Amino acid sequence: MCVLILVGVVLLGPAVPVQGRVADQVVVLQVDGLIVPVVAQYLDRGIAEAERLGAVCVIELNTPGGLYDTTQKIVQRIMNADVPVVVFVSPAGGQAGSAGTFITLSAHVAAMAPGSRIGAAHPVAAGGEQMTGAQEEKITQDAAAWVRSIAETRGRDAEKAAMAVTESRSYTDGQALEFNLIDLQAANLAELLQLIDGMTVTLDDGEEVRLAVVNAPLEREEMNWVERVLHTLSNPNIAYILLSLGMLGLLIEFYNPGGIFPGATGGLALILALYSLGTLDASWGGVLLIVLGFVLLALELFVVSFGLLTAGGLIAIVLGSMILFAGSPEGFQVNIGVMAGVVAGIALFAVLTVHLAIKAHQRQAATGREGMSGAVGVALTPLDPKGEVLFEGERWRAVAEDGPVEADEEVVVIRMEDGLKLVVRRREKPDGREDGFS
């Protein structure tokens, strides 16, 4: 009898399924905006937290696209994660455009909310860089091969995925499910967890993990304040505004040395702008044109061009603004309304400055040696003919040209002699009589 039991155990033992690892916690990450380096850092931190807990990592994704290098880092992190990663394109009406396509397809489980879309992943050069036909073809074929590899690894339709790259195809949530680009549709996170509960996911190392996520502890891992600030700065509109404000602050400090606040604020804004522009692969040709424009505006203070330098500066700023993100992927363009508002503000400031500069030049004849003629002063001592007068708060040696003048009488400056002596005469009253007692 014992022998029969032993034989039964040996024969039937391999048929008994071995219980794999169970993931019964959920860590939720949220990406809403461009795929830039700080997003890769945030997702790496969030996935690491899920790995520490042995939890399912859910990424709520809504993005128009992003940087190719950053996308590669995110995809590699997801595909090599030690826990199941679920990418949920949400909320309803959201998108996984361009870079988001690669990220969604790389997930162990891919889902989309109603009204969302995925695709349009044709590579575009950032920073206004112009690609030749051969370069564009090379990059496109590389991206297509990469997305095929991702799709095949996850058991998705590789050809439909490649068409999102080679033909810029976009798919609705229904089409994506029909073409086997995603695994399911869900209205919200709660429904998503209901649908994936009980699924078994195979990790990169071959380990199988069963998802037990209904009523499981759920932890939302938000971006910390540093990541939020950096993500906000990684926006073309913010970068453009910061660059303009930075240069404008330095220009105001240049016009009014010692103001401190405009210079300090402008310098800080400029440093933040340089970080943003570097992150977004902006065209440095555009940056230099904008800087040149502000330099020309500054030169208006010293060169009497009667607006020519200002006009040239504004033209350079407009051209630089247009070049700054020309040809960059969708979402990396400066909003035309923002551009128009900034340029209009700079133009208004420049026109006002030119107006004040022209008035200052026109007033120069009313100051100095030439401007003293006809000015009014007061005799401090009797002038017979020499003495002293008070003129604009200063004591001057003076000579009365048309007869003696009593102390405290008003005098009119005729001219200056020897650089330190005024030639004056008694001031006449409005009725033509001289000042003094009648």
Protein backbone atom coordinates (compact mmCIF):
# COMPACT_ATOMS: atom_id res chain seq x y z
CA MET A 1 0.00 0.00 0.00
CA CYS A 2 2.77 2.41 0.92
CA VAL A 3 4.52 1.56 -2.33
CA LEU A 4 1.40 2.46 -4.32
CA ILE A 5 1.09 5.81 -2.50
CA LEU A 6 4.75 6.58 -3.15
CA VAL A 7 4.40 5.76 -6.85
CA GLY A 8 1.29 7.93 -7.03
CA VAL A 9 3.10 10.88 -5.50
CA VAL A 10 6.01 10.52 -7.92
CA LEU A 11 3.73 10.26 -10.95
CA LEU A 12 1.17 12.92 -10.02
CA GLY A 13 3.48 15.34 -8.26
CA PRO A 14 4.63 17.16 -11.44
CA ALA A 15 0.99 17.70 -12.45
CA VAL A 16 0.25 19.75 -9.31
CA PRO A 17 0.65 23.46 -10.16
CA VAL A 18 3.29 25.37 -8.26
CA GLN A 19 1.92 28.56 -6.66
CA GLY A 20 3.77 31.62 -8.05
CA ARG A 21 4.29 34.99 -6.41
CA VAL A 22 1.17 37.02 -5.65
CA ALA A 23 1.08 40.82 -5.96
CA ASP A 24 -1.59 42.03 -3.55
CA GLN A 25 -0.67 45.72 -3.25
CA VAL A 26 -0.96 48.56 -5.77
CA VAL A 27 1.30 51.58 -6.33
CA VAL A 28 -0.22 54.21 -8.63
CA LEU A 29 1.92 56.71 -10.56
CA GLN A 30 0.60 59.54 -12.70
CA VAL A 31 2.18 61.15 -15.76
CA ASP A 32 0.31 64.07 -17.26
CA GLY A 33 2.34 66.08 -19.75
CA LEU A 34 5.47 65.84 -21.83
CA ILE A 35 7.89 62.93 -21.49
CA VAL A 36 11.04 64.68 -20.28
CA PRO A 37 14.00 63.54 -18.12
CA VAL A 38 12.32 64.36 -14.80
CA VAL A 39 9.44 62.01 -15.73
CA ALA A 40 11.93 59.17 -16.24
CA GLN A 41 13.39 59.89 -12.79
CA TYR A 42 9.93 59.93 -11.22
CA LEU A 43 8.86 56.65 -12.85
CA ASP A 44 12.12 54.98 -11.86
CA ARG A 45 11.54 56.04 -8.25
CA GLY A 46 7.92 54.89 -8.34
CA ILE A 47 8.68 51.49 -9.86
CA ALA A 48 11.45 51.01 -7.30
CA GLU A 49 8.91 51.64 -4.53
CA ALA A 50 6.57 49.05 -6.07
CA GLU A 51 9.48 46.58 -6.22
CA ARG A 52 10.24 47.21 -2.55
CA LEU A 53 6.63 46.44 -1.64
CA GLY A 54 6.21 43.60 -4.16
CA ALA A 55 3.22 45.52 -5.52
CA VAL A 56 1.59 46.01 -8.92
CA CYS A 57 2.68 49.32 -10.44
CA VAL A 58 -0.08 51.19 -12.30
CA ILE A 59 0.95 54.17 -14.45
CA GLU A 60 -1.88 56.54 -15.38
CA LEU A 61 -0.62 58.08 -18.61
CA ASN A 62 -1.77 61.14 -20.55
CA THR A 63 0.89 62.59 -22.84
CA PRO A 64 1.21 64.15 -26.30
CA GLY A 65 4.73 62.74 -26.59
CA GLY A 66 8.24 63.56 -25.57
CA LEU A 67 11.94 63.05 -26.01
CA TYR A 68 13.14 59.88 -27.72
CA ASP A 69 16.11 59.28 -25.40
CA THR A 70 13.94 59.70 -22.31
CA THR A 71 11.34 57.33 -23.76
CA GLN A 72 13.99 54.66 -24.25
CA LYS A 73 14.99 54.90 -20.58
CA ILE A 74 11.39 54.58 -19.42
CA VAL A 75 10.66 51.61 -21.68
CA GLN A 76 13.81 49.81 -20.53
CA ARG A 77 12.85 50.42 -16.88
CA ILE A 78 9.33 49.04 -17.40
CA MET A 79 10.43 45.96 -19.36
CA ASN A 80 13.08 45.06 -16.78
CA ALA A 81 10.93 45.75 -13.73
CA ASP A 82 10.74 43.06 -11.04
CA VAL A 83 7.02 43.69 -10.60
CA PRO A 84 4.06 43.81 -13.02
CA VAL A 85 3.63 47.23 -14.62
CA VAL A 86 0.22 48.29 -15.91
CA VAL A 87 -0.07 51.38 -18.15
CA PHE A 88 -3.53 52.92 -18.19
CA VAL A 89 -4.11 55.67 -20.79
CA SER A 90 -6.46 57.96 -18.92
CA PRO A 91 -8.57 59.92 -18.13
CA ALA A 92 -11.33 59.54 -20.70
CA GLY A 93 -10.32 61.55 -23.76
CA GLY A 94 -6.63 61.30 -22.87
CA GLN A 95 -3.87 60.22 -25.19
CA ALA A 96 -0.68 58.21 -25.47
CA GLY A 97 0.79 60.09 -28.39
CA SER A 98 4.24 59.58 -29.86
CA ALA A 99 6.45 58.58 -26.92
CA GLY A 100 3.37 57.45 -25.02
CA THR A 101 2.81 54.74 -27.64
CA PHE A 102 6.12 53.04 -26.87
CA ILE A 103 5.52 53.31 -23.11
CA THR A 104 2.01 51.83 -23.32
CA LEU A 105 3.06 48.92 -25.54
CA SER A 106 5.96 48.07 -23.22
CA ALA A 107 3.69 47.44 -20.22
CA HIS A 108 2.88 43.95 -18.98
CA VAL A 109 -0.78 45.01 -19.13
CA ALA A 110 -1.96 47.89 -21.34
CA ALA A 111 -5.36 49.54 -20.94
CA MET A 112 -7.16 52.61 -22.28
CA ALA A 113 -10.06 54.73 -21.09
CA PRO A 114 -13.05 55.55 -23.35
CA GLY A 115 -12.35 58.29 -25.89
CA SER A 116 -8.59 58.01 -25.51
CA ARG A 117 -6.17 57.46 -28.40
CA ILE A 118 -2.74 56.04 -29.09
CA GLY A 119 -0.24 56.41 -31.93
CA ALA A 120 1.21 59.15 -34.15
CA ALA A 121 4.68 58.03 -33.14
CA HIS A 122 6.64 59.16 -36.19
CA PRO A 123 10.01 60.49 -34.92
CA VAL A 124 10.62 64.24 -35.26
CA ALA A 125 13.88 66.09 -34.70
CA ALA A 126 13.82 68.34 -31.65
CA GLY A 127 15.33 71.81 -31.39
CA GLY A 128 14.50 72.82 -34.93
CA GLU A 129 17.15 70.51 -36.35
CA GLN A 130 16.57 69.79 -40.02
CA MET A 131 17.04 66.16 -41.05
CA THR A 132 17.95 65.03 -44.54
CA GLY A 133 15.79 62.41 -46.21
CA ALA A 134 18.35 59.70 -45.44
CA GLN A 135 18.60 60.70 -41.78
CA GLU A 136 14.83 60.76 -41.35
CA GLU A 137 14.49 57.36 -43.00
CA LYS A 138 17.20 55.91 -40.79
CA ILE A 139 15.64 57.20 -37.57
CA THR A 140 12.15 56.11 -38.68
CA GLN A 141 13.27 52.57 -39.48
CA ASP A 142 15.10 52.32 -36.16
CA ALA A 143 12.01 53.46 -34.24
CA ALA A 144 9.81 51.06 -36.23
CA ALA A 145 12.11 48.14 -35.47
CA TRP A 146 12.10 49.09 -31.80
CA VAL A 147 8.32 49.29 -31.53
CA ARG A 148 8.01 45.92 -33.37
CA SER A 149 10.38 44.36 -30.86
CA ILE A 150 8.41 45.76 -27.92
CA ALA A 151 5.09 44.57 -29.39
CA GLU A 152 6.41 41.08 -30.13
CA THR A 153 7.81 40.77 -26.62
CA ARG A 154 4.41 41.62 -25.14
CA GLY A 155 2.46 39.51 -27.67
CA ARG A 156 0.88 42.49 -29.42
CA ASP A 157 0.34 43.21 -33.13
CA ALA A 158 3.79 44.28 -34.29
CA GLU A 159 2.68 45.49 -37.73
CA LYS A 160 -0.09 47.73 -36.42
CA ALA A 161 2.35 49.10 -33.87
CA ALA A 162 4.93 49.80 -36.60
CA MET A 163 2.35 51.68 -38.66
CA ALA A 164 2.05 54.19 -35.80
CA VAL A 165 5.70 55.02 -36.49
CA THR A 166 6.09 54.66 -40.25
CA GLU A 167 2.69 56.12 -41.21
CA SER A 168 1.90 58.19 -38.08
CA ARG A 169 -1.23 56.09 -37.57
CA SER A 170 -3.41 56.85 -34.54
CA TYR A 171 -5.89 54.41 -33.01
CA THR A 172 -8.95 54.88 -30.82
CA ASP A 173 -9.28 52.80 -27.68
CA GLY A 174 -11.68 50.49 -29.53
CA GLN A 175 -9.34 50.08 -32.50
CA ALA A 176 -6.35 49.51 -30.22
CA LEU A 177 -8.22 46.68 -28.49
CA GLU A 178 -9.41 45.21 -31.81
CA PHE A 179 -5.88 45.32 -33.29
CA ASN A 180 -4.39 43.73 -30.15
CA LEU A 181 -2.32 46.77 -29.20
CA ILE A 182 -3.81 46.84 -25.69
CA ASP A 183 -5.30 44.21 -23.40
CA LEU A 184 -8.49 45.86 -22.19
CA GLN A 185 -10.64 48.97 -21.83
CA ALA A 186 -11.61 50.47 -18.48
CA ALA A 187 -13.63 53.54 -17.52
CA ASN A 188 -11.53 54.31 -14.44
CA LEU A 189 -8.92 52.95 -12.07
CA ALA A 190 -11.45 51.01 -9.96
CA GLU A 191 -12.78 49.17 -13.03
CA LEU A 192 -9.24 48.55 -14.24
CA LEU A 193 -8.33 46.81 -10.97
CA GLN A 194 -11.49 44.69 -11.19
CA LEU A 195 -10.59 43.59 -14.73
CA ILE A 196 -6.95 42.68 -14.08
CA ASP A 197 -7.63 40.91 -10.79
CA GLY A 198 -6.60 37.27 -11.09
CA MET A 199 -4.45 37.79 -14.20
CA THR A 200 -1.00 36.19 -14.31
CA VAL A 201 1.92 38.22 -15.64
CA THR A 202 5.28 36.85 -16.75
CA LEU A 203 8.22 39.07 -15.86
CA ASP A 204 11.40 39.49 -17.89
CA ASP A 205 13.20 36.83 -15.85
CA GLY A 206 10.41 34.30 -16.51
CA GLU A 207 8.83 34.56 -13.06
CA GLU A 208 5.03 34.46 -13.03
CA VAL A 209 3.13 36.84 -10.78
CA ARG A 210 -0.58 36.61 -10.08
CA LEU A 211 -2.43 39.89 -9.60
CA ALA A 212 -4.70 40.06 -6.53
CA VAL A 213 -5.63 43.71 -6.58
CA VAL A 214 -9.32 43.92 -5.73
CA ASN A 215 -9.59 45.61 -2.31
CA ALA A 216 -5.79 45.59 -2.15
CA PRO A 217 -3.94 48.39 -0.29
CA LEU A 218 -3.43 51.25 -2.75
CA GLU A 219 -0.63 53.81 -2.50
CA ARG A 220 -0.39 56.86 -4.75
CA GLU A 221 3.22 57.86 -5.31
CA GLU A 222 3.10 61.51 -6.36
CA MET A 223 5.90 63.62 -7.76
CA ASN A 224 7.79 65.38 -4.99
CA TRP A 225 8.00 69.19 -5.05
CA VAL A 226 11.37 69.21 -6.82
CA GLU A 227 10.06 66.91 -9.57
CA ARG A 228 6.90 69.00 -9.91
CA VAL A 229 8.91 72.21 -10.30
CA LEU A 230 11.27 70.64 -12.84
CA HIS A 231 8.35 69.15 -14.77
CA THR A 232 6.64 72.54 -14.86
CA LEU A 233 9.84 74.15 -16.09
CA SER A 234 10.10 71.50 -18.82
CA ASN A 235 7.39 73.24 -20.79
CA PRO A 236 8.18 75.21 -23.97
CA ASN A 237 5.86 78.08 -23.03
CA ILE A 238 7.38 78.39 -19.55
CA ALA A 239 10.92 78.18 -20.96
CA TYR A 240 10.15 80.91 -23.51
CA ILE A 241 8.57 83.22 -20.92
CA LEU A 242 11.46 82.70 -18.50
CA LEU A 243 14.02 83.46 -21.21
CA SER A 244 12.18 86.65 -22.17
CA LEU A 245 11.71 87.79 -18.56
CA GLY A 246 15.34 87.00 -17.76
CA MET A 247 16.67 89.09 -20.63
CA LEU A 248 14.16 91.88 -19.90
CA GLY A 249 15.20 92.00 -16.24
CA LEU A 250 18.87 92.30 -17.19
CA LEU A 251 17.96 95.00 -19.73
CA ILE A 252 16.11 97.04 -17.08
CA GLU A 253 19.09 96.65 -14.72
CA PHE A 254 21.34 97.81 -17.55
CA TYR A 255 19.17 100.90 -18.09
CA ASN A 256 19.02 101.62 -14.34
CA PRO A 257 22.24 100.38 -12.67
CA GLY A 258 21.84 99.69 -8.97
CA GLY A 259 18.20 98.65 -9.17
CA ILE A 260 19.30 95.16 -7.97
CA PHE A 261 15.82 93.58 -7.99
CA PRO A 262 15.37 93.56 -11.81
CA GLY A 263 18.90 92.22 -12.29
CA ALA A 264 18.62 89.54 -9.61
CA THR A 265 15.18 88.42 -10.79
CA GLY A 266 16.28 88.45 -14.42
CA GLY A 267 19.40 86.42 -13.65
CA LEU A 268 17.40 83.76 -11.78
CA ALA A 269 14.80 83.56 -14.56
CA LEU A 270 17.58 83.22 -17.13
CA ILE A 271 19.22 80.33 -15.27
CA LEU A 272 15.88 78.49 -15.01
CA ALA A 273 15.24 79.18 -18.69
CA LEU A 274 18.61 77.68 -19.67
CA TYR A 275 17.73 74.52 -17.72
CA SER A 276 14.37 74.27 -19.49
CA LEU A 277 15.81 74.96 -22.93
CA GLY A 278 18.53 72.36 -22.41
CA THR A 279 15.98 69.78 -21.27
CA LEU A 280 13.75 70.46 -24.28
CA ASP A 281 16.57 70.42 -26.84
CA ALA A 282 15.75 73.95 -27.98
CA SER A 283 17.47 75.49 -30.98
CA TRP A 284 20.45 77.47 -29.70
CA GLY A 285 20.33 79.49 -32.90
CA GLY A 286 16.93 80.75 -31.77
CA VAL A 287 18.27 81.49 -28.28
CA LEU A 288 21.18 83.51 -29.69
CA LEU A 289 18.84 85.52 -31.93
CA ILE A 290 16.70 86.44 -28.92
CA VAL A 291 19.81 87.43 -26.94
CA LEU A 292 21.03 89.52 -29.90
CA GLY A 293 17.66 91.26 -30.01
CA PHE A 294 17.96 92.35 -26.38
CA VAL A 295 21.56 93.48 -26.92
CA LEU A 296 20.36 95.74 -29.74
CA LEU A 297 17.67 97.14 -27.45
CA ALA A 298 20.35 97.90 -24.84
CA LEU A 299 22.55 99.69 -27.38
CA GLU A 300 19.69 102.11 -28.08
CA LEU A 301 20.59 103.78 -24.79
CA PHE A 302 24.04 104.77 -26.05
CA VAL A 303 23.61 105.10 -29.79
CA VAL A 304 21.20 107.67 -31.17
CA SER A 305 19.58 105.52 -33.89
CA PHE A 306 16.09 107.02 -33.42
CA GLY A 307 14.52 103.55 -33.23
CA LEU A 308 16.54 101.65 -35.85
CA LEU A 309 18.34 99.53 -33.25
CA THR A 310 15.05 98.88 -31.48
CA ALA A 311 13.41 97.78 -34.73
CA GLY A 312 16.33 95.45 -35.47
CA GLY A 313 16.17 94.07 -31.94
CA LEU A 314 12.47 93.32 -32.17
CA ILE A 315 12.94 91.60 -35.53
CA ALA A 316 15.71 89.43 -34.06
CA ILE A 317 13.49 88.52 -31.08
CA VAL A 318 10.57 87.56 -33.34
CA LEU A 319 12.80 85.42 -35.59
CA GLY A 320 14.43 83.77 -32.57
CA SER A 321 11.02 83.02 -31.07
CA MET A 322 9.91 81.32 -34.28
CA ILE A 323 13.11 79.28 -34.58
CA LEU A 324 13.35 78.31 -30.90
CA PHE A 325 11.26 75.11 -31.19
CA ALA A 326 10.64 74.99 -34.93
CA GLY A 327 10.22 71.43 -36.19
CA SER A 328 10.00 69.97 -32.67
CA PRO A 329 7.48 67.22 -31.82
CA GLU A 330 3.88 68.01 -30.96
CA GLY A 331 3.66 69.55 -27.51
CA PHE A 332 7.12 71.08 -27.82
CA GLN A 333 5.94 74.20 -29.66
CA VAL A 334 5.51 77.63 -28.08
CA ASN A 335 1.84 78.64 -28.13
CA ILE A 336 1.33 81.39 -30.73
CA GLY A 337 -0.73 83.41 -28.25
CA VAL A 338 2.05 83.28 -25.65
CA MET A 339 4.61 84.28 -28.28
CA ALA A 340 2.49 87.21 -29.49
CA GLY A 341 1.87 88.43 -25.93
CA VAL A 342 5.56 88.31 -24.97
CA VAL A 343 6.72 90.05 -28.16
CA ALA A 344 4.02 92.72 -27.80
CA GLY A 345 5.10 93.37 -24.21
CA ILE A 346 8.75 93.67 -25.20
CA ALA A 347 7.82 95.96 -28.10
CA LEU A 348 5.79 98.21 -25.80
CA PHE A 349 8.68 98.42 -23.34
CA ALA A 350 11.15 99.13 -26.16
CA VAL A 351 9.00 101.87 -27.74
CA LEU A 352 8.53 103.56 -24.36
CA THR A 353 12.28 103.39 -23.72
CA VAL A 354 13.09 104.87 -27.13
CA HIS A 355 10.58 107.66 -26.53
CA LEU A 356 12.19 108.54 -23.21
CA ALA A 357 15.68 108.31 -24.73
CA ILE A 358 14.76 110.71 -27.55
CA LYS A 359 13.27 113.18 -25.05
CA ALA A 360 16.44 112.93 -22.97
CA HIS A 361 18.58 113.73 -26.00
CA GLN A 362 16.34 116.70 -26.81
CA ARG A 363 16.76 118.00 -23.27
CA GLN A 364 20.55 117.82 -23.40
CA ALA A 365 20.71 121.34 -24.90
CA ALA A 366 18.97 122.63 -21.78
CA THR A 367 21.79 121.46 -19.51
CA GLY A 368 25.50 122.12 -19.27
CA ARG A 369 27.24 125.28 -20.50
CA GLU A 370 24.72 125.94 -23.28
CA GLY A 371 21.71 125.35 -21.09
CA MET A 372 22.74 127.94 -18.48
CA SER A 373 22.01 130.89 -20.76
CA GLY A 374 18.74 132.52 -19.66
CA ALA A 375 18.61 130.65 -16.36
CA VAL A 376 17.57 132.56 -13.23
CA GLY A 377 19.61 132.86 -10.03
CA VAL A 378 19.77 135.07 -6.92
CA ALA A 379 22.55 137.48 -5.96
CA LEU A 380 24.11 136.41 -2.67
CA THR A 381 26.26 139.53 -2.46
CA PRO A 382 26.06 142.91 -4.16
CA LEU A 383 27.43 142.71 -7.70
CA ASP A 384 29.44 145.88 -8.46
CA PRO A 385 30.33 144.44 -10.82
CA LYS A 386 31.72 141.28 -9.14
CA GLY A 387 30.20 139.13 -6.44
CA GLU A 388 28.49 135.78 -5.89
CA VAL A 389 25.16 134.36 -7.00
CA LEU A 390 23.16 131.27 -6.07
CA PHE A 391 22.30 129.16 -9.12
CA GLU A 392 20.57 125.73 -8.88
CA GLY A 393 21.67 125.40 -5.26
CA GLU A 394 25.33 126.21 -5.93
CA ARG A 395 27.42 129.35 -5.29
CA TRP A 396 28.98 130.85 -8.38
CA ARG A 397 31.34 133.77 -8.98
CA ALA A 398 29.52 136.31 -11.12
CA VAL A 399 29.98 139.62 -12.94
CA ALA A 400 27.10 142.06 -13.51
CA GLU A 401 27.21 143.23 -17.13
CA ASP A 402 24.53 145.96 -17.13
CA GLY A 403 25.20 147.84 -13.91
CA PRO A 404 25.33 146.93 -10.23
CA VAL A 405 22.91 144.45 -8.65
CA GLU A 406 21.85 144.46 -5.02
CA ALA A 407 21.99 141.36 -2.79
CA ASP A 408 18.88 139.12 -2.90
CA GLU A 409 17.87 140.42 -6.32
CA GLU A 410 17.13 137.89 -9.04
CA VAL A 411 19.57 137.79 -11.93
CA VAL A 412 19.53 136.22 -15.37
CA VAL A 413 22.57 134.31 -16.65
CA ILE A 414 23.85 135.69 -19.96
CA ARG A 415 26.77 133.37 -20.47
CA MET A 416 29.57 131.50 -18.73
CA GLU A 417 33.19 132.58 -18.93
CA ASP A 418 36.33 130.64 -18.07
CA GLY A 419 34.21 127.68 -17.05
CA LEU A 420 33.67 128.99 -13.50
CA LYS A 421 32.34 132.57 -13.81
CA LEU A 422 28.85 133.68 -14.78
CA VAL A 423 28.03 136.88 -16.59
CA VAL A 424 24.65 138.10 -15.39
CA ARG A 425 22.23 141.02 -15.43
CA ARG A 426 19.35 142.13 -13.24
CA ARG A 427 16.14 140.21 -14.05
CA GLU A 428 13.30 142.34 -15.44
CA LYS A 429 9.73 142.06 -14.20
CA PRO A 430 7.05 140.72 -16.54
CA ASP A 431 5.78 144.29 -17.14
CA GLY A 432 9.19 145.31 -18.38
CA ARG A 433 10.32 147.08 -15.18
CA GLU A 434 13.31 145.81 -13.28
CA ASP A 435 12.91 144.01 -10.01
CA GLY A 436 13.28 146.13 -6.88
CA PHE A 437 11.32 148.63 -4.82
CA SER A 438 9.30 151.25 -6.66
